[in-house]
Amino acid sequence: MTAFTRIVNLLLSDESGQDLIEYALIAGLIGLGAVGSSSALAGNITSAFTSIGNSLSSAV
């Protein structure tokens, strides 16, 4: 039983994958921010092209 307890304590104190998880969380947050801002920007771009198209149609 002491060997099992020793193994569990070693696994609980092991922090070797902690940096990788932090980098993955940061990358996920950056990706989420990029998707959110691009969807908001898409509406503005669509309205700008619609306005340009209408102006060109009325000028012809």
C-alpha atoms as a PDB file:
ATOM      1  CA  MET A   1       0.000   0.000   0.000  1.00  0.00           C
ATOM      2  CA  THR A   2       2.874   2.391   0.597  1.00  0.00           C
ATOM      3  CA  ALA A   3       4.059   1.944  -2.986  1.00  0.00           C
ATOM      4  CA  PHE A   4       0.615   2.935  -4.243  1.00  0.00           C
ATOM      5  CA  THR A   5       0.579   5.975  -1.937  1.00  0.00           C
ATOM      6  CA  ARG A   6       4.047   6.971  -3.127  1.00  0.00           C
ATOM      7  CA  ILE A   7       2.976   6.721  -6.784  1.00  0.00           C
ATOM      8  CA  VAL A   8      -0.153   8.796  -6.152  1.00  0.00           C
ATOM      9  CA  ASN A   9       1.895  11.464  -4.360  1.00  0.00           C
ATOM     10  CA  LEU A  10       4.374  11.575  -7.250  1.00  0.00           C
ATOM     11  CA  LEU A  11       1.559  11.963  -9.781  1.00  0.00           C
ATOM     12  CA  LEU A  12      -0.098  14.722  -7.772  1.00  0.00           C
ATOM     13  CA  SER A  13       3.142  16.688  -7.401  1.00  0.00           C
ATOM     14  CA  ASP A  14       4.186  16.290 -11.068  1.00  0.00           C
ATOM     15  CA  GLU A  15       3.843  19.609 -12.910  1.00  0.00           C
ATOM     16  CA  SER A  16       5.600  18.742 -16.165  1.00  0.00           C
ATOM     17  CA  GLY A  17       2.558  19.313 -18.412  1.00  0.00           C
ATOM     18  CA  GLN A  18       1.400  22.500 -16.750  1.00  0.00           C
ATOM     19  CA  ASP A  19       3.146  24.878 -19.187  1.00  0.00           C
ATOM     20  CA  LEU A  20       1.680  23.121 -22.201  1.00  0.00           C
ATOM     21  CA  ILE A  21      -1.831  23.414 -20.802  1.00  0.00           C
ATOM     22  CA  GLU A  22      -1.342  27.116 -20.093  1.00  0.00           C
ATOM     23  CA  TYR A  23      -0.116  27.755 -23.642  1.00  0.00           C
ATOM     24  CA  ALA A  24      -3.068  25.816 -25.050  1.00  0.00           C
ATOM     25  CA  LEU A  25      -5.502  27.901 -22.991  1.00  0.00           C
ATOM     26  CA  ILE A  26      -3.879  31.140 -24.164  1.00  0.00           C
ATOM     27  CA  ALA A  27      -3.993  29.991 -27.792  1.00  0.00           C
ATOM     28  CA  GLY A  28      -7.654  29.033 -27.359  1.00  0.00           C
ATOM     29  CA  LEU A  29      -8.527  32.441 -25.940  1.00  0.00           C
ATOM     30  CA  ILE A  30      -6.708  34.202 -28.779  1.00  0.00           C
ATOM     31  CA  GLY A  31      -8.565  32.044 -31.316  1.00  0.00           C
ATOM     32  CA  LEU A  32     -11.885  32.743 -29.649  1.00  0.00           C
ATOM     33  CA  GLY A  33     -11.182  36.472 -29.710  1.00  0.00           C
ATOM     34  CA  ALA A  34     -10.223  36.320 -33.388  1.00  0.00           C
ATOM     35  CA  VAL A  35     -13.441  34.511 -34.307  1.00  0.00           C
ATOM     36  CA  GLY A  36     -15.543  36.933 -32.290  1.00  0.00           C
ATOM     37  CA  SER A  37     -13.938  40.009 -33.792  1.00  0.00           C
ATOM     38  CA  SER A  38     -14.074  38.640 -37.347  1.00  0.00           C
ATOM     39  CA  SER A  39     -17.799  37.937 -37.088  1.00  0.00           C
ATOM     40  CA  ALA A  40     -18.405  41.482 -35.855  1.00  0.00           C
ATOM     41  CA  LEU A  41     -16.166  42.871 -38.600  1.00  0.00           C
ATOM     42  CA  ALA A  42     -17.943  40.808 -41.280  1.00  0.00           C
ATOM     43  CA  GLY A  43     -21.171  42.755 -40.754  1.00  0.00           C
ATOM     44  CA  ASN A  44     -19.366  46.076 -41.199  1.00  0.00           C
ATOM     45  CA  ILE A  45     -17.618  44.880 -44.357  1.00  0.00           C
ATOM     46  CA  THR A  46     -20.888  43.581 -45.806  1.00  0.00           C
ATOM     47  CA  SER A  47     -22.657  46.881 -45.228  1.00  0.00           C
ATOM     48  CA  ALA A  48     -19.722  48.810 -46.746  1.00  0.00           C
ATOM     49  CA  PHE A  49     -19.760  46.700 -49.926  1.00  0.00           C
ATOM     50  CA  THR A  50     -23.549  46.992 -50.143  1.00  0.00           C
ATOM     51  CA  SER A  51     -23.289  50.770 -49.889  1.00  0.00           C
ATOM     52  CA  ILE A  52     -20.572  50.862 -52.577  1.00  0.00           C
ATOM     53  CA  GLY A  53     -22.618  48.600 -54.828  1.00  0.00           C
ATOM     54  CA  ASN A  54     -25.704  50.774 -54.446  1.00  0.00           C
ATOM     55  CA  SER A  55     -23.689  53.908 -55.197  1.00  0.00           C
ATOM     56  CA  LEU A  56     -22.219  52.336 -58.334  1.00  0.00           C
ATOM     57  CA  SER A  57     -25.632  51.116 -59.509  1.00  0.00           C
ATOM     58  CA  SER A  58     -27.191  54.538 -59.121  1.00  0.00           C
ATOM     59  CA  ALA A  59     -24.263  56.233 -60.896  1.00  0.00           C
ATOM     60  CA  VAL A  60     -24.608  54.073 -64.006  1.00  0.00           C
END
